[in-house]
Amino acid sequence: MECLHNTPLHINIHTALNRNHMAICITQARRKEEIANMSKHQRQRAHFTEDRDTLLLVIALKDLAATTRKLRTALWCALQMTLPKPVKGQDHHVNKEATGAERCPSPFEGYSFKL
């Protein structure tokens, strides 16, 4: 998107990408630890460390879900900044002379947003 826009994206977008990458790496490491400890504990029959490993994995997954939501929002914002402005066409529904007032052009004119 930076290449399409010919300007660097906002630092918050890069921060969201880095945090999401870090969360992915932490989740992968927790899962590897859990698998390694499961095979080790099957021989020893220790249940406490299995619960601890599971809890750490759950926390990592929760963090991954949160950073993924934030990253999706940041990438949507980057896309909106990258998209070309819509071409203003003739508005057949509103007659500017009939209203008697000039409207200021909105930066969101032509886009449809739903919350």
PDB file of N, CA and C in Angstrom:
ATOM      1  N   MET A   1       0.818  -1.192   0.000  1.00  0.00           N
ATOM      2  CA  MET A   1       0.000   0.000   0.000  1.00  0.00           C
ATOM      3  C   MET A   1       0.862   1.256   0.000  1.00  0.00           C
ATOM      4  N   GLU A   2       2.024   1.152   0.625  1.00  0.00           N
ATOM      5  CA  GLU A   2       2.925   2.305   0.613  1.00  0.00           C
ATOM      6  C   GLU A   2       3.391   2.616  -0.808  1.00  0.00           C
ATOM      7  N   CYS A   3       3.641   1.575  -1.593  1.00  0.00           N
ATOM      8  CA  CYS A   3       4.080   1.783  -2.982  1.00  0.00           C
ATOM      9  C   CYS A   3       2.975   2.401  -3.825  1.00  0.00           C
ATOM     10  N   LEU A   4       1.734   1.995  -3.581  1.00  0.00           N
ATOM     11  CA  LEU A   4       0.618   2.546  -4.343  1.00  0.00           C
ATOM     12  C   LEU A   4       0.369   4.004  -4.007  1.00  0.00           C
ATOM     13  N   HIS A   5       0.580   4.346  -2.759  1.00  0.00           N
ATOM     14  CA  HIS A   5       0.286   5.696  -2.277  1.00  0.00           C
ATOM     15  C   HIS A   5       1.488   6.633  -2.439  1.00  0.00           C
ATOM     16  N   ASN A   6       2.677   6.057  -2.635  1.00  0.00           N
ATOM     17  CA  ASN A   6       3.931   6.802  -2.775  1.00  0.00           C
ATOM     18  C   ASN A   6       4.285   7.627  -1.548  1.00  0.00           C
ATOM     19  N   THR A   7       3.732   7.277  -0.400  1.00  0.00           N
ATOM     20  CA  THR A   7       4.107   7.913   0.863  1.00  0.00           C
ATOM     21  C   THR A   7       4.107   6.834   1.937  1.00  0.00           C
ATOM     22  N   PRO A   8       4.931   6.991   2.944  1.00  0.00           N
ATOM     23  CA  PRO A   8       4.933   6.000   4.022  1.00  0.00           C
ATOM     24  C   PRO A   8       3.622   6.056   4.806  1.00  0.00           C
ATOM     25  N   LEU A   9       3.208   4.899   5.271  1.00  0.00           N
ATOM     26  CA  LEU A   9       1.991   4.825   6.071  1.00  0.00           C
ATOM     27  C   LEU A   9       2.268   5.335   7.475  1.00  0.00           C
ATOM     28  N   HIS A  10       1.215   5.616   8.189  1.00  0.00           N
ATOM     29  CA  HIS A  10       1.319   6.143   9.555  1.00  0.00           C
ATOM     30  C   HIS A  10       2.054   5.140  10.444  1.00  0.00           C
ATOM     31  N   ILE A  11       2.755   5.627  11.428  1.00  0.00           N
ATOM     32  CA  ILE A  11       3.562   4.782  12.324  1.00  0.00           C
ATOM     33  C   ILE A  11       2.683   3.797  13.097  1.00  0.00           C
ATOM     34  N   ASN A  12       1.437   4.153  13.376  1.00  0.00           N
ATOM     35  CA  ASN A  12       0.550   3.238  14.100  1.00  0.00           C
ATOM     36  C   ASN A  12       0.258   1.977  13.301  1.00  0.00           C
ATOM     37  N   ILE A  13       0.243   2.093  11.980  1.00  0.00           N
ATOM     38  CA  ILE A  13       0.011   0.912  11.142  1.00  0.00           C
ATOM     39  C   ILE A  13       1.215  -0.028  11.233  1.00  0.00           C
ATOM     40  N   HIS A  14       2.407   0.543  11.202  1.00  0.00           N
ATOM     41  CA  HIS A  14       3.608  -0.278  11.353  1.00  0.00           C
ATOM     42  C   HIS A  14       3.670  -0.904  12.759  1.00  0.00           C
ATOM     43  N   THR A  15       3.269  -0.155  13.749  1.00  0.00           N
ATOM     44  CA  THR A  15       3.251  -0.674  15.121  1.00  0.00           C
ATOM     45  C   THR A  15       2.284  -1.844  15.244  1.00  0.00           C
ATOM     46  N   ALA A  16       1.109  -1.720  14.641  1.00  0.00           N
ATOM     47  CA  ALA A  16       0.122  -2.814  14.685  1.00  0.00           C
ATOM     48  C   ALA A  16       0.661  -4.054  13.990  1.00  0.00           C
ATOM     49  N   LEU A  17       1.350  -3.875  12.852  1.00  0.00           N
ATOM     50  CA  LEU A  17       1.958  -5.015  12.164  1.00  0.00           C
ATOM     51  C   LEU A  17       3.016  -5.696  13.027  1.00  0.00           C
ATOM     52  N   ASN A  18       3.867  -4.906  13.659  1.00  0.00           N
ATOM     53  CA  ASN A  18       4.924  -5.471  14.508  1.00  0.00           C
ATOM     54  C   ASN A  18       4.350  -6.193  15.721  1.00  0.00           C
ATOM     55  N   ARG A  19       3.334  -5.610  16.348  1.00  0.00           N
ATOM     56  CA  ARG A  19       2.736  -6.246  17.527  1.00  0.00           C
ATOM     57  C   ARG A  19       2.044  -7.553  17.163  1.00  0.00           C
ATOM     58  N   ASN A  20       1.383  -7.574  15.999  1.00  0.00           N
ATOM     59  CA  ASN A  20       0.724  -8.801  15.572  1.00  0.00           C
ATOM     60  C   ASN A  20       1.757  -9.883  15.266  1.00  0.00           C
ATOM     61  N   HIS A  21       2.850  -9.504  14.619  1.00  0.00           N
ATOM     62  CA  HIS A  21       3.917 -10.474  14.337  1.00  0.00           C
ATOM     63  C   HIS A  21       4.502 -11.028  15.631  1.00  0.00           C
ATOM     64  N   MET A  22       4.699 -10.153  16.609  1.00  0.00           N
ATOM     65  CA  MET A  22       5.228 -10.593  17.897  1.00  0.00           C
ATOM     66  C   MET A  22       4.245 -11.555  18.588  1.00  0.00           C
ATOM     67  N   ALA A  23       2.962 -11.250  18.525  1.00  0.00           N
ATOM     68  CA  ALA A  23       1.952 -12.112  19.138  1.00  0.00           C
ATOM     69  C   ALA A  23       1.923 -13.485  18.460  1.00  0.00           C
ATOM     70  N   ILE A  24       2.104 -13.510  17.137  1.00  0.00           N
ATOM     71  CA  ILE A  24       2.159 -14.789  16.417  1.00  0.00           C
ATOM     72  C   ILE A  24       3.360 -15.602  16.884  1.00  0.00           C
ATOM     73  N   CYS A  25       4.513 -14.965  16.993  1.00  0.00           N
ATOM     74  CA  CYS A  25       5.726 -15.671  17.429  1.00  0.00           C
ATOM     75  C   CYS A  25       5.585 -16.200  18.855  1.00  0.00           C
ATOM     76  N   ILE A  26       4.992 -15.407  19.736  1.00  0.00           N
ATOM     77  CA  ILE A  26       4.798 -15.845  21.125  1.00  0.00           C
ATOM     78  C   ILE A  26       3.830 -17.022  21.179  1.00  0.00           C
ATOM     79  N   THR A  27       2.755 -16.961  20.398  1.00  0.00           N
ATOM     80  CA  THR A  27       1.784 -18.059  20.383  1.00  0.00           C
ATOM     81  C   THR A  27       2.436 -19.335  19.865  1.00  0.00           C
ATOM     82  N   GLN A  28       3.234 -19.226  18.823  1.00  0.00           N
ATOM     83  CA  GLN A  28       3.930 -20.403  18.301  1.00  0.00           C
ATOM     84  C   GLN A  28       4.880 -20.983  19.342  1.00  0.00           C
ATOM     85  N   ALA A  29       5.605 -20.115  20.043  1.00  0.00           N
ATOM     86  CA  ALA A  29       6.539 -20.590  21.065  1.00  0.00           C
ATOM     87  C   ALA A  29       5.799 -21.272  22.213  1.00  0.00           C
ATOM     88  N   ARG A  30       4.682 -20.704  22.652  1.00  0.00           N
ATOM     89  CA  ARG A  30       3.886 -21.314  23.728  1.00  0.00           C
ATOM     90  C   ARG A  30       3.369 -22.685  23.316  1.00  0.00           C
ATOM     91  N   ARG A  31       2.930 -22.782  22.064  1.00  0.00           N
ATOM     92  CA  ARG A  31       2.411 -24.072  21.587  1.00  0.00           C
ATOM     93  C   ARG A  31       3.528 -25.108  21.529  1.00  0.00           C
ATOM     94  N   LYS A  32       4.706 -24.718  21.068  1.00  0.00           N
ATOM     95  CA  LYS A  32       5.848 -25.646  21.034  1.00  0.00           C
ATOM     96  C   LYS A  32       6.222 -26.090  22.447  1.00  0.00           C
ATOM     97  N   GLU A  33       6.215 -25.140  23.388  1.00  0.00           N
ATOM     98  CA  GLU A  33       6.509 -25.488  24.786  1.00  0.00           C
ATOM     99  C   GLU A  33       5.475 -26.462  25.327  1.00  0.00           C
ATOM    100  N   GLU A  34       4.209 -26.207  25.018  1.00  0.00           N
ATOM    101  CA  GLU A  34       3.148 -27.083  25.502  1.00  0.00           C
ATOM    102  C   GLU A  34       3.314 -28.494  24.951  1.00  0.00           C
ATOM    103  N   ILE A  35       3.611 -28.613  23.678  1.00  0.00           N
ATOM    104  CA  ILE A  35       3.800 -29.942  23.077  1.00  0.00           C
ATOM    105  C   ILE A  35       5.005 -30.643  23.679  1.00  0.00           C
ATOM    106  N   ALA A  36       6.104 -29.909  23.842  1.00  0.00           N
ATOM    107  CA  ALA A  36       7.313 -30.512  24.424  1.00  0.00           C
ATOM    108  C   ALA A  36       7.069 -30.953  25.861  1.00  0.00           C
ATOM    109  N   ASN A  37       6.382 -30.119  26.635  1.00  0.00           N
ATOM    110  CA  ASN A  37       6.123 -30.463  28.029  1.00  0.00           C
ATOM    111  C   ASN A  37       5.100 -31.578  28.166  1.00  0.00           C
ATOM    112  N   MET A  38       4.184 -31.694  27.225  1.00  0.00           N
ATOM    113  CA  MET A  38       3.196 -32.777  27.286  1.00  0.00           C
ATOM    114  C   MET A  38       3.866 -34.126  27.148  1.00  0.00           C
ATOM    115  N   SER A  39       4.791 -34.237  26.204  1.00  0.00           N
ATOM    116  CA  SER A  39       5.470 -35.520  26.026  1.00  0.00           C
ATOM    117  C   SER A  39       6.368 -35.829  27.220  1.00  0.00           C
ATOM    118  N   LYS A  40       6.966 -34.800  27.800  1.00  0.00           N
ATOM    119  CA  LYS A  40       7.820 -34.995  28.971  1.00  0.00           C
ATOM    120  C   LYS A  40       6.982 -35.390  30.190  1.00  0.00           C
ATOM    121  N   HIS A  41       5.809 -34.756  30.352  1.00  0.00           N
ATOM    122  CA  HIS A  41       4.988 -34.993  31.535  1.00  0.00           C
ATOM    123  C   HIS A  41       4.180 -36.275  31.435  1.00  0.00           C
ATOM    124  N   GLN A  42       4.022 -36.826  30.257  1.00  0.00           N
ATOM    125  CA  GLN A  42       3.323 -38.105  30.140  1.00  0.00           C
ATOM    126  C   GLN A  42       4.103 -39.197  30.849  1.00  0.00           C
ATOM    127  N   ARG A  43       5.401 -39.041  30.835  1.00  0.00           N
ATOM    128  CA  ARG A  43       6.232 -40.020  31.548  1.00  0.00           C
ATOM    129  C   ARG A  43       6.218 -39.764  33.057  1.00  0.00           C
ATOM    130  N   GLN A  44       6.066 -38.491  33.466  1.00  0.00           N
ATOM    131  CA  GLN A  44       6.138 -38.150  34.888  1.00  0.00           C
ATOM    132  C   GLN A  44       4.765 -38.020  35.537  1.00  0.00           C
ATOM    133  N   ARG A  45       3.712 -37.879  34.775  1.00  0.00           N
ATOM    134  CA  ARG A  45       2.330 -37.726  35.273  1.00  0.00           C
ATOM    135  C   ARG A  45       2.155 -36.458  36.116  1.00  0.00           C
ATOM    136  N   ALA A  46       2.669 -35.341  35.664  1.00  0.00           N
ATOM    137  CA  ALA A  46       2.525 -34.072  36.385  1.00  0.00           C
ATOM    138  C   ALA A  46       1.417 -33.260  35.728  1.00  0.00           C
ATOM    139  N   HIS A  47       0.384 -32.923  36.507  1.00  0.00           N
ATOM    140  CA  HIS A  47      -0.759 -32.193  35.955  1.00  0.00           C
ATOM    141  C   HIS A  47      -0.645 -30.690  36.153  1.00  0.00           C
ATOM    142  N   PHE A  48       0.105 -30.248  37.150  1.00  0.00           N
ATOM    143  CA  PHE A  48       0.199 -28.812  37.432  1.00  0.00           C
ATOM    144  C   PHE A  48       0.839 -28.049  36.274  1.00  0.00           C
ATOM    145  N   THR A  49       1.919 -28.584  35.737  1.00  0.00           N
ATOM    146  CA  THR A  49       2.610 -27.881  34.655  1.00  0.00           C
ATOM    147  C   THR A  49       1.786 -27.899  33.373  1.00  0.00           C
ATOM    148  N   GLU A  50       0.955 -28.923  33.186  1.00  0.00           N
ATOM    149  CA  GLU A  50       0.084 -28.952  32.009  1.00  0.00           C
ATOM    150  C   GLU A  50      -0.923 -27.808  32.086  1.00  0.00           C
ATOM    151  N   ASP A  51      -1.470 -27.583  33.276  1.00  0.00           N
ATOM    152  CA  ASP A  51      -2.406 -26.470  33.450  1.00  0.00           C
ATOM    153  C   ASP A  51      -1.711 -25.132  33.227  1.00  0.00           C
ATOM    154  N   ARG A  52      -0.490 -25.017  33.691  1.00  0.00           N
ATOM    155  CA  ARG A  52       0.278 -23.784  33.517  1.00  0.00           C
ATOM    156  C   ARG A  52       0.557 -23.546  32.036  1.00  0.00           C
ATOM    157  N   ASP A  53       0.975 -24.598  31.330  1.00  0.00           N
ATOM    158  CA  ASP A  53       1.239 -24.469  29.898  1.00  0.00           C
ATOM    159  C   ASP A  53      -0.024 -24.089  29.138  1.00  0.00           C
ATOM    160  N   THR A  54      -1.136 -24.695  29.504  1.00  0.00           N
ATOM    161  CA  THR A  54      -2.403 -24.384  28.851  1.00  0.00           C
ATOM    162  C   THR A  54      -2.807 -22.945  29.125  1.00  0.00           C
ATOM    163  N   LEU A  55      -2.630 -22.499  30.347  1.00  0.00           N
ATOM    164  CA  LEU A  55      -2.969 -21.122  30.704  1.00  0.00           C
ATOM    165  C   LEU A  55      -2.109 -20.124  29.926  1.00  0.00           C
ATOM    166  N   LEU A  56      -0.822 -20.395  29.811  1.00  0.00           N
ATOM    167  CA  LEU A  56       0.058 -19.510  29.044  1.00  0.00           C
ATOM    168  C   LEU A  56      -0.339 -19.479  27.573  1.00  0.00           C
ATOM    169  N   LEU A  57      -0.745 -20.617  27.031  1.00  0.00           N
ATOM    170  CA  LEU A  57      -1.192 -20.662  25.643  1.00  0.00           C
ATOM    171  C   LEU A  57      -2.495 -19.888  25.461  1.00  0.00           C
ATOM    172  N   VAL A  58      -3.405 -20.010  26.409  1.00  0.00           N
ATOM    173  CA  VAL A  58      -4.668 -19.276  26.336  1.00  0.00           C
ATOM    174  C   VAL A  58      -4.410 -17.769  26.367  1.00  0.00           C
ATOM    175  N   ILE A  59      -3.517 -17.332  27.218  1.00  0.00           N
ATOM    176  CA  ILE A  59      -3.180 -15.905  27.295  1.00  0.00           C
ATOM    177  C   ILE A  59      -2.568 -15.436  25.980  1.00  0.00           C
ATOM    178  N   ALA A  60      -1.686 -16.258  25.403  1.00  0.00           N
ATOM    179  CA  ALA A  60      -1.064 -15.896  24.126  1.00  0.00           C
ATOM    180  C   ALA A  60      -2.112 -15.825  23.014  1.00  0.00           C
ATOM    181  N   LEU A  61      -3.060 -16.753  23.008  1.00  0.00           N
ATOM    182  CA  LEU A  61      -4.114 -16.730  21.992  1.00  0.00           C
ATOM    183  C   LEU A  61      -5.037 -15.529  22.157  1.00  0.00           C
ATOM    184  N   LYS A  62      -5.310 -15.167  23.409  1.00  0.00           N
ATOM    185  CA  LYS A  62      -6.150 -13.992  23.669  1.00  0.00           C
ATOM    186  C   LYS A  62      -5.452 -12.727  23.168  1.00  0.00           C
ATOM    187  N   ASP A  63      -4.157 -12.626  23.414  1.00  0.00           N
ATOM    188  CA  ASP A  63      -3.383 -11.481  22.934  1.00  0.00           C
ATOM    189  C   ASP A  63      -3.328 -11.475  21.406  1.00  0.00           C
ATOM    190  N   LEU A  64      -3.184 -12.646  20.805  1.00  0.00           N
ATOM    191  CA  LEU A  64      -3.159 -12.742  19.348  1.00  0.00           C
ATOM    192  C   LEU A  64      -4.482 -12.275  18.748  1.00  0.00           C
ATOM    193  N   ALA A  65      -5.593 -12.660  19.359  1.00  0.00           N
ATOM    194  CA  ALA A  65      -6.903 -12.234  18.862  1.00  0.00           C
ATOM    195  C   ALA A  65      -7.045 -10.715  18.949  1.00  0.00           C
ATOM    196  N   ALA A  66      -6.593 -10.125  20.048  1.00  0.00           N
ATOM    197  CA  ALA A  66      -6.696  -8.668  20.220  1.00  0.00           C
ATOM    198  C   ALA A  66      -5.822  -7.935  19.208  1.00  0.00           C
ATOM    199  N   THR A  67      -4.592  -8.398  19.019  1.00  0.00           N
ATOM    200  CA  THR A  67      -3.710  -7.715  18.070  1.00  0.00           C
ATOM    201  C   THR A  67      -4.190  -7.909  16.633  1.00  0.00           C
ATOM    202  N   THR A  68      -4.826  -9.038  16.346  1.00  0.00           N
ATOM    203  CA  THR A  68      -5.359  -9.265  15.002  1.00  0.00           C
ATOM    204  C   THR A  68      -6.501  -8.302  14.700  1.00  0.00           C
ATOM    205  N   ARG A  69      -7.379  -8.073  15.688  1.00  0.00           N
ATOM    206  CA  ARG A  69      -8.464  -7.105  15.489  1.00  0.00           C
ATOM    207  C   ARG A  69      -7.902  -5.708  15.235  1.00  0.00           C
ATOM    208  N   LYS A  70      -6.903  -5.314  16.023  1.00  0.00           N
ATOM    209  CA  LYS A  70      -6.303  -3.994  15.848  1.00  0.00           C
ATOM    210  C   LYS A  70      -5.592  -3.891  14.497  1.00  0.00           C
ATOM    211  N   LEU A  71      -4.949  -4.972  14.076  1.00  0.00           N
ATOM    212  CA  LEU A  71      -4.259  -4.969  12.791  1.00  0.00           C
ATOM    213  C   LEU A  71      -5.247  -4.854  11.634  1.00  0.00           C
ATOM    214  N   ARG A  72      -6.364  -5.559  11.719  1.00  0.00           N
ATOM    215  CA  ARG A  72      -7.376  -5.461  10.665  1.00  0.00           C
ATOM    216  C   ARG A  72      -7.886  -4.033  10.544  1.00  0.00           C
ATOM    217  N   THR A  73      -8.100  -3.371  11.677  1.00  0.00           N
ATOM    218  CA  THR A  73      -8.550  -1.979  11.654  1.00  0.00           C
ATOM    219  C   THR A  73      -7.482  -1.074  11.042  1.00  0.00           C
ATOM    220  N   ALA A  74      -6.237  -1.281  11.422  1.00  0.00           N
ATOM    221  CA  ALA A  74      -5.144  -0.456  10.888  1.00  0.00           C
ATOM    222  C   ALA A  74      -4.992  -0.665   9.384  1.00  0.00           C
ATOM    223  N   LEU A  75      -5.111  -1.900   8.927  1.00  0.00           N
ATOM    224  CA  LEU A  75      -4.991  -2.160   7.495  1.00  0.00           C
ATOM    225  C   LEU A  75      -6.173  -1.591   6.718  1.00  0.00           C
ATOM    226  N   TRP A  76      -7.352  -1.589   7.320  1.00  0.00           N
ATOM    227  CA  TRP A  76      -8.502  -0.969   6.677  1.00  0.00           C
ATOM    228  C   TRP A  76      -8.259   0.527   6.513  1.00  0.00           C
ATOM    229  N   CYS A  77      -7.711   1.158   7.545  1.00  0.00           N
ATOM    230  CA  CYS A  77      -7.393   2.590   7.464  1.00  0.00           C
ATOM    231  C   CYS A  77      -6.348   2.843   6.376  1.00  0.00           C
ATOM    232  N   ALA A  78      -5.352   1.986   6.300  1.00  0.00           N
ATOM    233  CA  ALA A  78      -4.323   2.136   5.262  1.00  0.00           C
ATOM    234  C   ALA A  78      -4.939   1.989   3.876  1.00  0.00           C
ATOM    235  N   LEU A  79      -5.856   1.058   3.731  1.00  0.00           N
ATOM    236  CA  LEU A  79      -6.531   0.887   2.448  1.00  0.00           C
ATOM    237  C   LEU A  79      -7.334   2.129   2.086  1.00  0.00           C
ATOM    238  N   GLN A  80      -8.036   2.696   3.048  1.00  0.00           N
ATOM    239  CA  GLN A  80      -8.830   3.887   2.777  1.00  0.00           C
ATOM    240  C   GLN A  80      -7.938   5.059   2.364  1.00  0.00           C
ATOM    241  N   MET A  81      -6.754   5.145   2.925  1.00  0.00           N
ATOM    242  CA  MET A  81      -5.827   6.215   2.545  1.00  0.00           C
ATOM    243  C   MET A  81      -5.232   5.946   1.162  1.00  0.00           C
ATOM    244  N   THR A  82      -5.142   4.681   0.773  1.00  0.00           N
ATOM    245  CA  THR A  82      -4.532   4.299  -0.494  1.00  0.00           C
ATOM    246  C   THR A  82      -5.497   4.429  -1.666  1.00  0.00           C
ATOM    247  N   LEU A  83      -6.784   4.194  -1.414  1.00  0.00           N
ATOM    248  CA  LEU A  83      -7.761   4.232  -2.500  1.00  0.00           C
ATOM    249  C   LEU A  83      -7.818   5.604  -3.148  1.00  0.00           C
ATOM    250  N   PRO A  84      -8.015   5.645  -4.455  1.00  0.00           N
ATOM    251  CA  PRO A  84      -8.142   6.956  -5.106  1.00  0.00           C
ATOM    252  C   PRO A  84      -9.443   7.625  -4.705  1.00  0.00           C
ATOM    253  N   LYS A  85      -9.428   8.933  -4.724  1.00  0.00           N
ATOM    254  CA  LYS A  85     -10.635   9.692  -4.400  1.00  0.00           C
ATOM    255  C   LYS A  85     -11.666   9.435  -5.489  1.00  0.00           C
ATOM    256  N   PRO A  86     -12.938   9.309  -5.116  1.00  0.00           N
ATOM    257  CA  PRO A  86     -13.960   9.064  -6.141  1.00  0.00           C
ATOM    258  C   PRO A  86     -14.153  10.299  -7.023  1.00  0.00           C
ATOM    259  N   VAL A  87     -14.484  10.043  -8.274  1.00  0.00           N
ATOM    260  CA  VAL A  87     -14.737  11.130  -9.210  1.00  0.00           C
ATOM    261  C   VAL A  87     -16.112  11.690  -8.920  1.00  0.00           C
ATOM    262  N   LYS A  88     -16.178  13.012  -8.775  1.00  0.00           N
ATOM    263  CA  LYS A  88     -17.462  13.642  -8.479  1.00  0.00           C
ATOM    264  C   LYS A  88     -18.299  13.662  -9.747  1.00  0.00           C
ATOM    265  N   GLY A  89     -19.502  13.150  -9.608  1.00  0.00           N
ATOM    266  CA  GLY A  89     -20.400  13.129 -10.753  1.00  0.00           C
ATOM    267  C   GLY A  89     -21.541  14.103 -10.539  1.00  0.00           C
ATOM    268  N   GLN A  90     -22.387  14.209 -11.541  1.00  0.00           N
ATOM    269  CA  GLN A  90     -23.557  15.068 -11.426  1.00  0.00           C
ATOM    270  C   GLN A  90     -24.509  14.474 -10.408  1.00  0.00           C
ATOM    271  N   ASP A  91     -24.973  15.299  -9.477  1.00  0.00           N
ATOM    272  CA  ASP A  91     -25.943  14.858  -8.472  1.00  0.00           C
ATOM    273  C   ASP A  91     -27.327  15.269  -8.956  1.00  0.00           C
ATOM    274  N   HIS A  92     -28.100  14.293  -9.415  1.00  0.00           N
ATOM    275  CA  HIS A  92     -29.412  14.580  -9.978  1.00  0.00           C
ATOM    276  C   HIS A  92     -30.476  14.789  -8.913  1.00  0.00           C
ATOM    277  N   HIS A  93     -30.199  14.377  -7.687  1.00  0.00           N
ATOM    278  CA  HIS A  93     -31.213  14.447  -6.636  1.00  0.00           C
ATOM    279  C   HIS A  93     -31.237  15.791  -5.920  1.00  0.00           C
ATOM    280  N   VAL A  94     -30.115  16.494  -5.897  1.00  0.00           N
ATOM    281  CA  VAL A  94     -30.033  17.749  -5.163  1.00  0.00           C
ATOM    282  C   VAL A  94     -29.689  18.864  -6.135  1.00  0.00           C
ATOM    283  N   ASN A  95     -30.460  19.888  -6.130  1.00  0.00           N
ATOM    284  CA  ASN A  95     -30.199  21.059  -6.959  1.00  0.00           C
ATOM    285  C   ASN A  95     -29.571  22.121  -6.061  1.00  0.00           C
ATOM    286  N   LYS A  96     -28.286  22.438  -6.297  1.00  0.00           N
ATOM    287  CA  LYS A  96     -27.582  23.374  -5.410  1.00  0.00           C
ATOM    288  C   LYS A  96     -28.193  24.769  -5.467  1.00  0.00           C
ATOM    289  N   GLU A  97     -28.691  25.163  -6.636  1.00  0.00           N
ATOM    290  CA  GLU A  97     -29.293  26.486  -6.735  1.00  0.00           C
ATOM    291  C   GLU A  97     -30.594  26.556  -5.942  1.00  0.00           C
ATOM    292  N   ALA A  98     -31.319  25.447  -5.887  1.00  0.00           N
ATOM    293  CA  ALA A  98     -32.593  25.427  -5.165  1.00  0.00           C
ATOM    294  C   ALA A  98     -32.375  25.499  -3.661  1.00  0.00           C
ATOM    295  N   THR A  99     -31.259  24.935  -3.164  1.00  0.00           N
ATOM    296  CA  THR A  99     -31.005  24.964  -1.716  1.00  0.00           C
ATOM    297  C   THR A  99     -30.511  26.332  -1.271  1.00  0.00           C
ATOM    298  N   GLY A 100     -29.856  27.081  -2.184  1.00  0.00           N
ATOM    299  CA  GLY A 100     -29.403  28.418  -1.837  1.00  0.00           C
ATOM    300  C   GLY A 100     -28.116  28.441  -1.049  1.00  0.00           C
ATOM    301  N   ALA A 101     -27.512  27.313  -0.764  1.00  0.00           N
ATOM    302  CA  ALA A 101     -26.273  27.278   0.021  1.00  0.00           C
ATOM    303  C   ALA A 101     -25.287  26.327  -0.639  1.00  0.00           C
ATOM    304  N   GLU A 102     -24.046  26.758  -0.685  1.00  0.00           N
ATOM    305  CA  GLU A 102     -22.987  25.899  -1.193  1.00  0.00           C
ATOM    306  C   GLU A 102     -22.537  24.965  -0.071  1.00  0.00           C
ATOM    307  N   ARG A 103     -22.420  23.707  -0.393  1.00  0.00           N
ATOM    308  CA  ARG A 103     -21.948  22.757   0.602  1.00  0.00           C
ATOM    309  C   ARG A 103     -20.437  22.628   0.514  1.00  0.00           C
ATOM    310  N   CYS A 104     -19.804  22.413   1.658  1.00  0.00           N
ATOM    311  CA  CYS A 104     -18.382  22.129   1.669  1.00  0.00           C
ATOM    312  C   CYS A 104     -18.196  20.680   1.240  1.00  0.00           C
ATOM    313  N   PRO A 105     -17.229  20.408   0.391  1.00  0.00           N
ATOM    314  CA  PRO A 105     -17.037  19.024  -0.038  1.00  0.00           C
ATOM    315  C   PRO A 105     -16.553  18.168   1.130  1.00  0.00           C
ATOM    316  N   SER A 106     -17.174  17.052   1.290  1.00  0.00           N
ATOM    317  CA  SER A 106     -16.803  16.137   2.360  1.00  0.00           C
ATOM    318  C   SER A 106     -15.730  15.179   1.864  1.00  0.00           C
ATOM    319  N   PRO A 107     -14.730  14.859   2.693  1.00  0.00           N
ATOM    320  CA  PRO A 107     -13.721  13.898   2.252  1.00  0.00           C
ATOM    321  C   PRO A 107     -14.300  12.498   2.113  1.00  0.00           C
ATOM    322  N   PHE A 108     -15.484  12.257   2.683  1.00  0.00           N
ATOM    323  CA  PHE A 108     -16.088  10.936   2.637  1.00  0.00           C
ATOM    324  C   PHE A 108     -17.174  10.840   1.577  1.00  0.00           C
ATOM    325  N   GLU A 109     -17.335  11.860   0.761  1.00  0.00           N
ATOM    326  CA  GLU A 109     -18.368  11.859  -0.261  1.00  0.00           C
ATOM    327  C   GLU A 109     -18.061  10.760  -1.272  1.00  0.00           C
ATOM    328  N   GLY A 110     -19.045   9.962  -1.553  1.00  0.00           N
ATOM    329  CA  GLY A 110     -18.864   8.879  -2.513  1.00  0.00           C
ATOM    330  C   GLY A 110     -18.593   7.538  -1.860  1.00  0.00           C
ATOM    331  N   TYR A 111     -18.265   7.531  -0.563  1.00  0.00           N
ATOM    332  CA  TYR A 111     -18.008   6.295   0.159  1.00  0.00           C
ATOM    333  C   TYR A 111     -19.232   5.946   0.984  1.00  0.00           C
ATOM    334  N   SER A 112     -19.401   4.683   1.264  1.00  0.00           N
ATOM    335  CA  SER A 112     -20.513   4.224   2.094  1.00  0.00           C
ATOM    336  C   SER A 112     -19.945   3.544   3.322  1.00  0.00           C
ATOM    337  N   PHE A 113     -20.276   4.047   4.507  1.00  0.00           N
ATOM    338  CA  PHE A 113     -19.781   3.480   5.751  1.00  0.00           C
ATOM    339  C   PHE A 113     -20.949   2.949   6.559  1.00  0.00           C
ATOM    340  N   LYS A 114     -20.798   1.762   7.109  1.00  0.00           N
ATOM    341  CA  LYS A 114     -21.823   1.207   7.991  1.00  0.00           C
ATOM    342  C   LYS A 114     -21.143   0.784   9.285  1.00  0.00           C
ATOM    343  N   LEU A 115     -21.717   1.161  10.388  1.00  0.00           N
ATOM    344  CA  LEU A 115     -21.191   0.793  11.698  1.00  0.00           C
ATOM    345  C   LEU A 115     -22.020  -0.284  12.318  1.00  0.00           C
TER     346      LEU A 115
END
